[in-house]
């Protein structure tokens, strides 16, 4: 991978760059062998069109000037893409099991088949989250330090079958798991709702996590990575499963208990820390400065509810060997639920342009009221399943990831793209199979754009409030 300073990265924002920067990109992208030829496939979401295939475009010699341009430079590469997806919460799996099996399989083919959207990175929960039918852990009741009661039987009803179906359709599906709370008896308040972790519970909690990973692997739902806690810095006012973790407790847990427990049991699941907001970047840097924690950690799980995405770049610049993963954020119940794709395109571009390897939406599916939900947050599903008719409705975020998941497959590299088109988001990918793709979001009125690459260009119309994917095979 090429290396760049933070100044190089931050001077190119999601919404554009100066004319001088664009001219520089034009100059540096004319390397021999970069010039494309042939046709450019076009897909558009706008108005009544949803990922609609449009007439192909042709590369031609570029005209002079850079006004109204999106400049591409494939020689300047950034992070490798892991993928895109959503969360298999207990609530989501319950809702998905309320539809007929044939309908569910058709939807999963649409979502997970590599020939379709190909969602490839999804999240699941270690016990209950707020989007559950009930609050539960795998060892409820009085203190059980020997974990004799441990059981994942609750998950066998519909969570594990749902995960196995998704993996059947996409065998390369990557699963990330997060706990919202340890069993209540491990915490100071004795409850899964809010509270904080007891330090003396750390060793038994590491064994609890290992037992979960082993039990899931035995059920054909191997977990690829996990965090020690969803949202370490909040107890959610005791209104839902949650747990505060002091910074020093997370360091101790990962460095002295969880990391060694995974290693001694031959469990290859990777550890991601934090699993919380951008504004906690300082905590992350302090944690990664601990050499014992550092050796066990693959990367950082980020949420976007507070702070700005450039904080991921702060951490990347300090610790470039530790990856960034965006692990939670999704639709809310509002009148624009089905059409706010440019809100998500702008956010997605910001996330990816600050080194994240993935984007994981929140609940894969909920009903029209945002249920099941035992917490206070008014979220909606990536897709909605009507509780009465079982009709499936797709969110604006769904259509954003319909573009991004197809444009940047696993193993793709994000490469340099800049624009002087105001408010236009853009991200470019070079895929392992040789295809390249550019996703453009235009939240404003219709406009014309030229995509410039190594002395060639295509002229493309960006409809009002549109998402456009251009893809081509590099010669």
Foldseek 3Di string as FASTA:
>chain_A
DDDDDLVVLVQFAQFFHDQVVLVVLQVQQQDPQFDFFDWKWKFKDDDPGFRDTDDIFTKDFDDDDAAQAKEFHFVFFAAFAAFEAAELEQLLQVLLVVDDPVVSLVVLLQCCALVHLNGAEYEYEQFHWQFHLDHDHQQEDADDLVCPSGDPVVCVPGNLVVLVSNCVNPVNRAYEYAYQAHHLNQFPVSHQQFGAGDLVCLQSVLVSVVVVQVVSVVSVRHHQAYEHHAQQCGSQVRQIRHYHDDLVSSLCSQLPHNQVSCVVVVNNRAYAYRNEELVCLVSVLVSCVPVSNVVRHQAYEYEHPDDFLLSLLVNCNVPVRHAYAHHEDAAFDDPQFAQVLLVLLSVVLRNVSSGHNYHYYYRQEHANQRDPGSGDGRGGHCWHQHPPPRDIGHTSNVSNSSQVRSQRDGRWIWGDMGGPNGPKGKTKIQYPVQKIKMKIFAQAAKDWHWYDGNSIITIDIAHHGMIMMIMDGRD
